[in-house]
Amino acid sequence: MHIRPSSALRNDYTGISELAKSSGEPIFITNKGEGDGVFLSMAAFEEREKQFRHRDKVYAAEMSRLNGDPVLTQEELDARMEEIFRAYES
């Protein structure tokens, strides 16, 4: 975990940015010793967003299953995918 004061963000933005990119982790910014914000590289932010979207889809699928919506076995899914591939190749 990386913690830096807000003055470091103000005075050494390039260093904070490089640390965020090289570590891939959030950098916690403090103001007067208290937590104030978080700095992330764009790549780390996008990866976290991707993970959140994936988790939301898994959660929605599980809720659907628990609500009694129909589910497919692996064999049924494979057969449907083969049909789609065959139709696309034609």
PDB file of N, CA and C in Angstrom:
ATOM      1  N   MET A   1       0.846  -1.172   0.000  1.00  0.00           N
ATOM      2  CA  MET A   1       0.000   0.000   0.000  1.00  0.00           C
ATOM      3  C   MET A   1       0.892   1.235   0.000  1.00  0.00           C
ATOM      4  N   HIS A   2       0.524   2.181  -0.853  1.00  0.00           N
ATOM      5  CA  HIS A   2       1.293   3.419  -0.969  1.00  0.00           C
ATOM      6  C   HIS A   2       0.451   4.576  -0.441  1.00  0.00           C
ATOM      7  N   ILE A   3       1.032   5.348   0.455  1.00  0.00           N
ATOM      8  CA  ILE A   3       0.365   6.524   1.022  1.00  0.00           C
ATOM      9  C   ILE A   3       1.275   7.713   0.814  1.00  0.00           C
ATOM     10  N   ARG A   4       0.717   8.779   0.270  1.00  0.00           N
ATOM     11  CA  ARG A   4       1.496   9.991   0.035  1.00  0.00           C
ATOM     12  C   ARG A   4       0.670  11.198   0.473  1.00  0.00           C
ATOM     13  N   PRO A   5       1.341  12.239   0.949  1.00  0.00           N
ATOM     14  CA  PRO A   5       0.623  13.462   1.320  1.00  0.00           C
ATOM     15  C   PRO A   5       0.186  14.227   0.073  1.00  0.00           C
ATOM     16  N   SER A   6      -0.835  15.051   0.229  1.00  0.00           N
ATOM     17  CA  SER A   6      -1.321  15.827  -0.914  1.00  0.00           C
ATOM     18  C   SER A   6      -0.233  16.737  -1.476  1.00  0.00           C
ATOM     19  N   SER A   7       0.698  17.151  -0.633  1.00  0.00           N
ATOM     20  CA  SER A   7       1.790  17.999  -1.134  1.00  0.00           C
ATOM     21  C   SER A   7       2.641  17.242  -2.150  1.00  0.00           C
ATOM     22  N   ALA A   8       2.804  15.943  -1.989  1.00  0.00           N
ATOM     23  CA  ALA A   8       3.568  15.146  -2.953  1.00  0.00           C
ATOM     24  C   ALA A   8       2.845  15.112  -4.296  1.00  0.00           C
ATOM     25  N   LEU A   9       1.538  15.034  -4.252  1.00  0.00           N
ATOM     26  CA  LEU A   9       0.768  15.046  -5.498  1.00  0.00           C
ATOM     27  C   LEU A   9       0.922  16.392  -6.188  1.00  0.00           C
ATOM     28  N   ARG A  10       0.912  17.437  -5.417  1.00  0.00           N
ATOM     29  CA  ARG A  10       1.040  18.788  -5.955  1.00  0.00           C
ATOM     30  C   ARG A  10       2.469  19.057  -6.456  1.00  0.00           C
ATOM     31  N   ASN A  11       3.473  18.623  -5.675  1.00  0.00           N
ATOM     32  CA  ASN A  11       4.868  18.956  -5.982  1.00  0.00           C
ATOM     33  C   ASN A  11       5.589  17.925  -6.841  1.00  0.00           C
ATOM     34  N   ASP A  12       5.093  16.685  -6.859  1.00  0.00           N
ATOM     35  CA  ASP A  12       5.774  15.620  -7.600  1.00  0.00           C
ATOM     36  C   ASP A  12       4.752  14.750  -8.324  1.00  0.00           C
ATOM     37  N   TYR A  13       3.924  15.393  -9.123  1.00  0.00           N
ATOM     38  CA  TYR A  13       2.902  14.653  -9.851  1.00  0.00           C
ATOM     39  C   TYR A  13       3.513  13.542 -10.702  1.00  0.00           C
ATOM     40  N   THR A  14       4.597  13.851 -11.381  1.00  0.00           N
ATOM     41  CA  THR A  14       5.228  12.859 -12.254  1.00  0.00           C
ATOM     42  C   THR A  14       5.659  11.630 -11.465  1.00  0.00           C
ATOM     43  N   GLY A  15       6.241  11.828 -10.284  1.00  0.00           N
ATOM     44  CA  GLY A  15       6.659  10.700  -9.457  1.00  0.00           C
ATOM     45  C   GLY A  15       5.485   9.865  -8.990  1.00  0.00           C
ATOM     46  N   ILE A  16       4.404  10.531  -8.588  1.00  0.00           N
ATOM     47  CA  ILE A  16       3.195   9.815  -8.149  1.00  0.00           C
ATOM     48  C   ILE A  16       2.610   9.035  -9.327  1.00  0.00           C
ATOM     49  N   SER A  17       2.556   9.675 -10.487  1.00  0.00           N
ATOM     50  CA  SER A  17       2.014   9.014 -11.673  1.00  0.00           C
ATOM     51  C   SER A  17       2.839   7.794 -12.053  1.00  0.00           C
ATOM     52  N   GLU A  18       4.157   7.932 -12.033  1.00  0.00           N
ATOM     53  CA  GLU A  18       5.029   6.798 -12.367  1.00  0.00           C
ATOM     54  C   GLU A  18       4.879   5.667 -11.352  1.00  0.00           C
ATOM     55  N   LEU A  19       4.749   6.009 -10.065  1.00  0.00           N
ATOM     56  CA  LEU A  19       4.547   4.978  -9.037  1.00  0.00           C
ATOM     57  C   LEU A  19       3.242   4.235  -9.274  1.00  0.00           C
ATOM     58  N   ALA A  20       2.190   4.976  -9.605  1.00  0.00           N
ATOM     59  CA  ALA A  20       0.895   4.343  -9.867  1.00  0.00           C
ATOM     60  C   ALA A  20       0.978   3.401 -11.064  1.00  0.00           C
ATOM     61  N   LYS A  21       1.668   3.833 -12.107  1.00  0.00           N
ATOM     62  CA  LYS A  21       1.797   2.995 -13.309  1.00  0.00           C
ATOM     63  C   LYS A  21       2.654   1.764 -13.047  1.00  0.00           C
ATOM     64  N   SER A  22       3.770   1.943 -12.337  1.00  0.00           N
ATOM     65  CA  SER A  22       4.678   0.815 -12.127  1.00  0.00           C
ATOM     66  C   SER A  22       4.136  -0.191 -11.119  1.00  0.00           C
ATOM     67  N   SER A  23       3.413   0.284 -10.114  1.00  0.00           N
ATOM     68  CA  SER A  23       2.907  -0.630  -9.087  1.00  0.00           C
ATOM     69  C   SER A  23       1.567  -1.243  -9.470  1.00  0.00           C
ATOM     70  N   GLY A  24       0.783  -0.514 -10.276  1.00  0.00           N
ATOM     71  CA  GLY A  24      -0.552  -0.995 -10.628  1.00  0.00           C
ATOM     72  C   GLY A  24      -1.517  -0.940  -9.453  1.00  0.00           C
ATOM     73  N   GLU A  25      -1.110  -0.292  -8.389  1.00  0.00           N
ATOM     74  CA  GLU A  25      -1.921  -0.214  -7.173  1.00  0.00           C
ATOM     75  C   GLU A  25      -2.377   1.218  -6.927  1.00  0.00           C
ATOM     76  N   PRO A  26      -3.429   1.370  -6.131  1.00  0.00           N
ATOM     77  CA  PRO A  26      -3.861   2.719  -5.792  1.00  0.00           C
ATOM     78  C   PRO A  26      -2.858   3.398  -4.868  1.00  0.00           C
ATOM     79  N   ILE A  27      -2.780   4.705  -4.987  1.00  0.00           N
ATOM     80  CA  ILE A  27      -1.959   5.502  -4.080  1.00  0.00           C
ATOM     81  C   ILE A  27      -2.917   6.351  -3.267  1.00  0.00           C
ATOM     82  N   PHE A  28      -2.881   6.180  -1.961  1.00  0.00           N
ATOM     83  CA  PHE A  28      -3.775   6.909  -1.080  1.00  0.00           C
ATOM     84  C   PHE A  28      -3.159   8.265  -0.772  1.00  0.00           C
ATOM     85  N   ILE A  29      -3.941   9.312  -0.971  1.00  0.00           N
ATOM     86  CA  ILE A  29      -3.483  10.679  -0.757  1.00  0.00           C
ATOM     87  C   ILE A  29      -4.079  11.185   0.559  1.00  0.00           C
ATOM     88  N   THR A  30      -3.219  11.737   1.402  1.00  0.00           N
ATOM     89  CA  THR A  30      -3.681  12.272   2.685  1.00  0.00           C
ATOM     90  C   THR A  30      -3.609  13.796   2.674  1.00  0.00           C
ATOM     91  N   ASN A  31      -4.419  14.387   3.514  1.00  0.00           N
ATOM     92  CA  ASN A  31      -4.398  15.827   3.724  1.00  0.00           C
ATOM     93  C   ASN A  31      -4.410  16.042   5.234  1.00  0.00           C
ATOM     94  N   LYS A  32      -3.344  16.615   5.751  1.00  0.00           N
ATOM     95  CA  LYS A  32      -3.181  16.836   7.193  1.00  0.00           C
ATOM     96  C   LYS A  32      -3.294  15.521   7.969  1.00  0.00           C
ATOM     97  N   GLY A  33      -2.729  14.463   7.374  1.00  0.00           N
ATOM     98  CA  GLY A  33      -2.685  13.163   8.037  1.00  0.00           C
ATOM     99  C   GLY A  33      -3.944  12.330   7.929  1.00  0.00           C
ATOM    100  N   GLU A  34      -4.960  12.833   7.291  1.00  0.00           N
ATOM    101  CA  GLU A  34      -6.226  12.110   7.128  1.00  0.00           C
ATOM    102  C   GLU A  34      -6.400  11.701   5.674  1.00  0.00           C
ATOM    103  N   GLY A  35      -7.014  10.551   5.451  1.00  0.00           N
ATOM    104  CA  GLY A  35      -7.284  10.101   4.093  1.00  0.00           C
ATOM    105  C   GLY A  35      -8.133  11.111   3.345  1.00  0.00           C
ATOM    106  N   ASP A  36      -7.757  11.402   2.097  1.00  0.00           N
ATOM    107  CA  ASP A  36      -8.471  12.419   1.335  1.00  0.00           C
ATOM    108  C   ASP A  36      -8.870  11.950  -0.056  1.00  0.00           C
ATOM    109  N   GLY A  37      -8.059  11.104  -0.677  1.00  0.00           N
ATOM    110  CA  GLY A  37      -8.368  10.658  -2.028  1.00  0.00           C
ATOM    111  C   GLY A  37      -7.508   9.490  -2.434  1.00  0.00           C
ATOM    112  N   VAL A  38      -7.769   9.006  -3.633  1.00  0.00           N
ATOM    113  CA  VAL A  38      -7.026   7.864  -4.173  1.00  0.00           C
ATOM    114  C   VAL A  38      -6.627   8.193  -5.601  1.00  0.00           C
ATOM    115  N   PHE A  39      -5.386   7.884  -5.932  1.00  0.00           N
ATOM    116  CA  PHE A  39      -4.855   8.112  -7.272  1.00  0.00           C
ATOM    117  C   PHE A  39      -4.571   6.756  -7.891  1.00  0.00           C
ATOM    118  N   LEU A  40      -5.092   6.532  -9.108  1.00  0.00           N
ATOM    119  CA  LEU A  40      -4.884   5.275  -9.840  1.00  0.00           C
ATOM    120  C   LEU A  40      -4.399   5.593 -11.246  1.00  0.00           C
ATOM    121  N   SER A  41      -3.595   4.700 -11.794  1.00  0.00           N
ATOM    122  CA  SER A  41      -3.269   4.823 -13.214  1.00  0.00           C
ATOM    123  C   SER A  41      -4.527   4.471 -14.009  1.00  0.00           C
ATOM    124  N   MET A  42      -4.591   4.935 -15.239  1.00  0.00           N
ATOM    125  CA  MET A  42      -5.739   4.619 -16.090  1.00  0.00           C
ATOM    126  C   MET A  42      -5.864   3.116 -16.302  1.00  0.00           C
ATOM    127  N   ALA A  43      -4.736   2.439 -16.488  1.00  0.00           N
ATOM    128  CA  ALA A  43      -4.774   0.986 -16.716  1.00  0.00           C
ATOM    129  C   ALA A  43      -5.350   0.266 -15.508  1.00  0.00           C
ATOM    130  N   ALA A  44      -4.939   0.660 -14.307  1.00  0.00           N
ATOM    131  CA  ALA A  44      -5.456   0.021 -13.090  1.00  0.00           C
ATOM    132  C   ALA A  44      -6.942   0.312 -12.925  1.00  0.00           C
ATOM    133  N   PHE A  45      -7.341   1.547 -13.213  1.00  0.00           N
ATOM    134  CA  PHE A  45      -8.753   1.910 -13.113  1.00  0.00           C
ATOM    135  C   PHE A  45      -9.593   1.086 -14.083  1.00  0.00           C
ATOM    136  N   GLU A  46      -9.148   0.991 -15.339  1.00  0.00           N
ATOM    137  CA  GLU A  46      -9.897   0.231 -16.340  1.00  0.00           C
ATOM    138  C   GLU A  46      -9.984  -1.247 -15.971  1.00  0.00           C
ATOM    139  N   GLU A  47      -8.910  -1.805 -15.429  1.00  0.00           N
ATOM    140  CA  GLU A  47      -8.929  -3.207 -15.007  1.00  0.00           C
ATOM    141  C   GLU A  47      -9.926  -3.428 -13.875  1.00  0.00           C
ATOM    142  N   ARG A  48      -9.957  -2.518 -12.919  1.00  0.00           N
ATOM    143  CA  ARG A  48     -10.928  -2.628 -11.824  1.00  0.00           C
ATOM    144  C   ARG A  48     -12.353  -2.524 -12.341  1.00  0.00           C
ATOM    145  N   GLU A  49     -12.586  -1.603 -13.254  1.00  0.00           N
ATOM    146  CA  GLU A  49     -13.920  -1.462 -13.831  1.00  0.00           C
ATOM    147  C   GLU A  49     -14.327  -2.742 -14.557  1.00  0.00           C
ATOM    148  N   LYS A  50     -13.397  -3.340 -15.292  1.00  0.00           N
ATOM    149  CA  LYS A  50     -13.671  -4.593 -16.001  1.00  0.00           C
ATOM    150  C   LYS A  50     -14.038  -5.701 -15.014  1.00  0.00           C
ATOM    151  N   GLN A  51     -13.316  -5.775 -13.906  1.00  0.00           N
ATOM    152  CA  GLN A  51     -13.607  -6.774 -12.888  1.00  0.00           C
ATOM    153  C   GLN A  51     -14.981  -6.544 -12.268  1.00  0.00           C
ATOM    154  N   PHE A  52     -15.334  -5.280 -12.025  1.00  0.00           N
ATOM    155  CA  PHE A  52     -16.646  -4.971 -11.460  1.00  0.00           C
ATOM    156  C   PHE A  52     -17.760  -5.363 -12.422  1.00  0.00           C
ATOM    157  N   ARG A  53     -17.590  -5.065 -13.722  1.00  0.00           N
ATOM    158  CA  ARG A  53     -18.608  -5.443 -14.706  1.00  0.00           C
ATOM    159  C   ARG A  53     -18.755  -6.960 -14.767  1.00  0.00           C
ATOM    160  N   HIS A  54     -17.641  -7.679 -14.725  1.00  0.00           N
ATOM    161  CA  HIS A  54     -17.693  -9.143 -14.753  1.00  0.00           C
ATOM    162  C   HIS A  54     -18.415  -9.667 -13.510  1.00  0.00           C
ATOM    163  N   ARG A  55     -18.082  -9.126 -12.354  1.00  0.00           N
ATOM    164  CA  ARG A  55     -18.720  -9.566 -11.111  1.00  0.00           C
ATOM    165  C   ARG A  55     -20.225  -9.301 -11.168  1.00  0.00           C
ATOM    166  N   ASP A  56     -20.628  -8.148 -11.725  1.00  0.00           N
ATOM    167  CA  ASP A  56     -22.050  -7.839 -11.850  1.00  0.00           C
ATOM    168  C   ASP A  56     -22.763  -8.860 -12.721  1.00  0.00           C
ATOM    169  N   LYS A  57     -22.113  -9.288 -13.804  1.00  0.00           N
ATOM    170  CA  LYS A  57     -22.724 -10.287 -14.688  1.00  0.00           C
ATOM    171  C   LYS A  57     -22.861 -11.633 -13.995  1.00  0.00           C
ATOM    172  N   VAL A  58     -21.840 -12.022 -13.254  1.00  0.00           N
ATOM    173  CA  VAL A  58     -21.897 -13.293 -12.519  1.00  0.00           C
ATOM    174  C   VAL A  58     -23.008 -13.229 -11.477  1.00  0.00           C
ATOM    175  N   TYR A  59     -23.104 -12.108 -10.772  1.00  0.00           N
ATOM    176  CA  TYR A  59     -24.146 -11.933  -9.760  1.00  0.00           C
ATOM    177  C   TYR A  59     -25.530 -12.015 -10.402  1.00  0.00           C
ATOM    178  N   ALA A  60     -25.719 -11.334 -11.536  1.00  0.00           N
ATOM    179  CA  ALA A  60     -27.013 -11.356 -12.217  1.00  0.00           C
ATOM    180  C   ALA A  60     -27.370 -12.767 -12.664  1.00  0.00           C
ATOM    181  N   ALA A  61     -26.391 -13.509 -13.177  1.00  0.00           N
ATOM    182  CA  ALA A  61     -26.650 -14.888 -13.602  1.00  0.00           C
ATOM    183  C   ALA A  61     -27.027 -15.764 -12.418  1.00  0.00           C
ATOM    184  N   GLU A  62     -26.354 -15.580 -11.300  1.00  0.00           N
ATOM    185  CA  GLU A  62     -26.671 -16.378 -10.110  1.00  0.00           C
ATOM    186  C   GLU A  62     -28.056 -16.031  -9.579  1.00  0.00           C
ATOM    187  N   MET A  63     -28.415 -14.752  -9.584  1.00  0.00           N
ATOM    188  CA  MET A  63     -29.753 -14.361  -9.138  1.00  0.00           C
ATOM    189  C   MET A  63     -30.814 -14.938 -10.066  1.00  0.00           C
ATOM    190  N   SER A  64     -30.533 -14.950 -11.356  1.00  0.00           N
ATOM    191  CA  SER A  64     -31.452 -15.537 -12.321  1.00  0.00           C
ATOM    192  C   SER A  64     -31.650 -17.024 -12.037  1.00  0.00           C
ATOM    193  N   ARG A  65     -30.548 -17.711 -11.771  1.00  0.00           N
ATOM    194  CA  ARG A  65     -30.628 -19.139 -11.462  1.00  0.00           C
ATOM    195  C   ARG A  65     -31.425 -19.379 -10.187  1.00  0.00           C
ATOM    196  N   LEU A  66     -31.179 -18.576  -9.160  1.00  0.00           N
ATOM    197  CA  LEU A  66     -31.886 -18.738  -7.892  1.00  0.00           C
ATOM    198  C   LEU A  66     -33.370 -18.417  -8.015  1.00  0.00           C
ATOM    199  N   ASN A  67     -33.723 -17.558  -8.977  1.00  0.00           N
ATOM    200  CA  ASN A  67     -35.128 -17.215  -9.201  1.00  0.00           C
ATOM    201  C   ASN A  67     -35.855 -18.261 -10.040  1.00  0.00           C
ATOM    202  N   GLY A  68     -35.152 -19.310 -10.430  1.00  0.00           N
ATOM    203  CA  GLY A  68     -35.792 -20.401 -11.152  1.00  0.00           C
ATOM    204  C   GLY A  68     -35.790 -20.267 -12.658  1.00  0.00           C
ATOM    205  N   ASP A  69     -35.051 -19.303 -13.181  1.00  0.00           N
ATOM    206  CA  ASP A  69     -34.962 -19.185 -14.635  1.00  0.00           C
ATOM    207  C   ASP A  69     -34.282 -20.427 -15.196  1.00  0.00           C
ATOM    208  N   PRO A  70     -34.633 -20.812 -16.423  1.00  0.00           N
ATOM    209  CA  PRO A  70     -34.038 -22.032 -16.996  1.00  0.00           C
ATOM    210  C   PRO A  70     -32.518 -21.894 -17.159  1.00  0.00           C
ATOM    211  N   VAL A  71     -31.846 -23.001 -16.954  1.00  0.00           N
ATOM    212  CA  VAL A  71     -30.394 -23.042 -17.114  1.00  0.00           C
ATOM    213  C   VAL A  71     -30.035 -24.143 -18.103  1.00  0.00           C
ATOM    214  N   LEU A  72     -28.847 -24.066 -18.660  1.00  0.00           N
ATOM    215  CA  LEU A  72     -28.376 -25.063 -19.617  1.00  0.00           C
ATOM    216  C   LEU A  72     -27.262 -25.888 -18.991  1.00  0.00           C
ATOM    217  N   THR A  73     -27.231 -27.156 -19.361  1.00  0.00           N
ATOM    218  CA  THR A  73     -26.077 -27.971 -18.985  1.00  0.00           C
ATOM    219  C   THR A  73     -24.933 -27.603 -19.922  1.00  0.00           C
ATOM    220  N   GLN A  74     -23.737 -28.042 -19.614  1.00  0.00           N
ATOM    221  CA  GLN A  74     -22.601 -27.762 -20.493  1.00  0.00           C
ATOM    222  C   GLN A  74     -22.817 -28.389 -21.862  1.00  0.00           C
ATOM    223  N   GLU A  75     -23.413 -29.568 -21.886  1.00  0.00           N
ATOM    224  CA  GLU A  75     -23.664 -30.241 -23.160  1.00  0.00           C
ATOM    225  C   GLU A  75     -24.675 -29.469 -24.000  1.00  0.00           C
ATOM    226  N   GLU A  76     -25.730 -28.952 -23.375  1.00  0.00           N
ATOM    227  CA  GLU A  76     -26.730 -28.164 -24.096  1.00  0.00           C
ATOM    228  C   GLU A  76     -26.108 -26.876 -24.640  1.00  0.00           C
ATOM    229  N   LEU A  77     -25.292 -26.256 -23.842  1.00  0.00           N
ATOM    230  CA  LEU A  77     -24.618 -25.030 -24.276  1.00  0.00           C
ATOM    231  C   LEU A  77     -23.686 -25.318 -25.446  1.00  0.00           C
ATOM    232  N   ASP A  78     -22.917 -26.382 -25.352  1.00  0.00           N
ATOM    233  CA  ASP A  78     -22.018 -26.762 -26.452  1.00  0.00           C
ATOM    234  C   ASP A  78     -22.802 -26.990 -27.742  1.00  0.00           C
ATOM    235  N   ALA A  79     -23.941 -27.700 -27.646  1.00  0.00           N
ATOM    236  CA  ALA A  79     -24.753 -27.979 -28.836  1.00  0.00           C
ATOM    237  C   ALA A  79     -25.283 -26.682 -29.443  1.00  0.00           C
ATOM    238  N   ARG A  80     -25.748 -25.762 -28.615  1.00  0.00           N
ATOM    239  CA  ARG A  80     -26.246 -24.488 -29.134  1.00  0.00           C
ATOM    240  C   ARG A  80     -25.132 -23.678 -29.797  1.00  0.00           C
ATOM    241  N   MET A  81     -23.974 -23.686 -29.199  1.00  0.00           N
ATOM    242  CA  MET A  81     -22.854 -22.949 -29.782  1.00  0.00           C
ATOM    243  C   MET A  81     -22.450 -23.556 -31.122  1.00  0.00           C
ATOM    244  N   GLU A  82     -22.450 -24.871 -31.221  1.00  0.00           N
ATOM    245  CA  GLU A  82     -22.136 -25.538 -32.493  1.00  0.00           C
ATOM    246  C   GLU A  82     -23.126 -25.133 -33.566  1.00  0.00           C
ATOM    247  N   GLU A  83     -24.430 -25.059 -33.207  1.00  0.00           N
ATOM    248  CA  GLU A  83     -25.450 -24.626 -34.165  1.00  0.00           C
ATOM    249  C   GLU A  83     -25.156 -23.209 -34.654  1.00  0.00           C
ATOM    250  N   ILE A  84     -24.811 -22.332 -33.741  1.00  0.00           N
ATOM    251  CA  ILE A  84     -24.523 -20.944 -34.111  1.00  0.00           C
ATOM    252  C   ILE A  84     -23.317 -20.888 -35.032  1.00  0.00           C
ATOM    253  N   PHE A  85     -22.265 -21.634 -34.705  1.00  0.00           N
ATOM    254  CA  PHE A  85     -21.055 -21.630 -35.542  1.00  0.00           C
ATOM    255  C   PHE A  85     -21.348 -22.177 -36.935  1.00  0.00           C
ATOM    256  N   ARG A  86     -22.112 -23.259 -36.980  1.00  0.00           N
ATOM    257  CA  ARG A  86     -22.451 -23.860 -38.269  1.00  0.00           C
ATOM    258  C   ARG A  86     -23.271 -22.886 -39.115  1.00  0.00           C
ATOM    259  N   ALA A  87     -24.229 -22.211 -38.508  1.00  0.00           N
ATOM    260  CA  ALA A  87     -25.067 -21.248 -39.234  1.00  0.00           C
ATOM    261  C   ALA A  87     -24.220 -20.077 -39.731  1.00  0.00           C
ATOM    262  N   TYR A  88     -23.240 -19.673 -38.946  1.00  0.00           N
ATOM    263  CA  TYR A  88     -22.395 -18.548 -39.338  1.00  0.00           C
ATOM    264  C   TYR A  88     -21.474 -18.925 -40.498  1.00  0.00           C
ATOM    265  N   GLU A  89     -21.007 -20.180 -40.518  1.00  0.00           N
ATOM    266  CA  GLU A  89     -20.091 -20.636 -41.571  1.00  0.00           C
ATOM    267  C   GLU A  89     -20.789 -20.815 -42.906  1.00  0.00           C
ATOM    268  N   SER A  90     -22.098 -21.026 -42.875  1.00  0.00           N
ATOM    269  CA  SER A  90     -22.858 -21.281 -44.123  1.00  0.00           C
ATOM    270  C   SER A  90     -22.987 -20.057 -44.967  1.00  0.00           C
TER     271      SER A  90
END
